Amino acid sequence: MAIAGGACSAYWVRYDADRRWLHVRSTTALRSECPTVEEAIERLHQGEQVTVAGSDMAELRRRMHPDEQAD
């Protein structure tokens, strides 16, 4: 998968809207093929599975569950 350093740690993510639960599994992906956080959120709400860059996971979790953040 490593092509000229373009690979990154990533996560396959699926959203269960009924339970408000993110299903996450680690993987490796080309960074250029990972959507932005905004695109990922939109696609997750449409029922799609997305591959999110590892560096974006904290922001994705924060934005998907803003009421669960510590003070």
Protein backbone atom coordinates (compact mmCIF):
# COMPACT_ATOMS: atom_id res chain seq x y z
CA MET A 1 0.00 0.00 0.00
CA ALA A 2 2.86 2.44 0.67
CA ILE A 3 3.22 4.43 -2.52
CA ALA A 4 5.84 7.16 -2.21
CA GLY A 5 4.83 7.79 1.38
CA GLY A 6 1.15 8.37 0.51
CA ALA A 7 -0.18 5.74 2.91
CA CYS A 8 -1.49 6.60 6.35
CA SER A 9 -3.13 4.95 9.31
CA ALA A 10 -6.86 5.04 8.73
CA TYR A 11 -10.16 3.66 9.96
CA TRP A 12 -13.16 2.12 8.25
CA VAL A 13 -16.12 3.82 9.85
CA ARG A 14 -19.84 3.07 9.74
CA TYR A 15 -22.52 4.93 11.69
CA ASP A 16 -25.48 3.23 13.39
CA ALA A 17 -27.96 6.11 13.59
CA ASP A 18 -30.44 4.18 15.73
CA ARG A 19 -27.89 3.61 18.48
CA ARG A 20 -25.80 6.74 17.71
CA TRP A 21 -22.77 4.45 17.52
CA LEU A 22 -19.64 4.61 15.35
CA HIS A 23 -18.37 1.21 14.27
CA VAL A 24 -14.62 1.58 13.67
CA ARG A 25 -11.94 -0.79 12.35
CA SER A 26 -8.31 0.14 11.78
CA THR A 27 -6.69 -0.14 8.37
CA THR A 28 -4.16 1.58 6.12
CA ALA A 29 -5.19 3.77 3.19
CA LEU A 30 -3.87 6.30 0.72
CA ARG A 31 -4.33 9.72 2.30
CA SER A 32 -5.56 11.09 -1.02
CA GLU A 33 -8.48 8.62 -0.95
CA CYS A 34 -9.73 9.63 2.50
CA PRO A 35 -12.56 12.18 2.55
CA THR A 36 -12.47 15.37 4.59
CA VAL A 37 -14.23 15.26 7.96
CA GLU A 38 -17.18 17.19 6.50
CA GLU A 39 -17.51 14.77 3.56
CA ALA A 40 -17.18 11.77 5.87
CA ILE A 41 -19.96 13.03 8.17
CA GLU A 42 -22.29 13.61 5.23
CA ARG A 43 -21.61 10.15 3.79
CA LEU A 44 -21.98 8.46 7.20
CA HIS A 45 -25.41 10.06 7.67
CA GLN A 46 -26.36 8.67 4.24
CA GLY A 47 -25.57 5.17 5.50
CA GLU A 48 -22.24 4.75 3.71
CA GLN A 49 -19.06 3.26 5.15
CA VAL A 50 -16.08 5.60 4.80
CA THR A 51 -12.34 5.32 5.26
CA VAL A 52 -11.16 8.16 7.49
CA ALA A 53 -7.53 9.19 7.96
CA GLY A 54 -6.28 8.42 11.46
CA SER A 55 -5.40 12.07 12.01
CA ASP A 56 -9.07 13.01 11.40
CA MET A 57 -10.67 10.50 13.77
CA ALA A 58 -10.65 12.69 16.90
CA GLU A 59 -12.37 15.52 15.01
CA LEU A 60 -14.87 13.12 13.45
CA ARG A 61 -15.78 11.67 16.86
CA ARG A 62 -16.05 15.16 18.36
CA ARG A 63 -18.38 16.33 15.60
CA MET A 64 -20.52 13.20 15.51
CA HIS A 65 -21.05 13.20 19.31
CA PRO A 66 -20.57 16.78 20.55
CA ASP A 67 -22.69 16.19 23.67
CA GLU A 68 -20.31 13.47 24.92
CA GLN A 69 -17.22 15.66 25.18
CA ALA A 70 -15.54 16.20 28.52
CA ASP A 71 -15.50 19.73 29.99
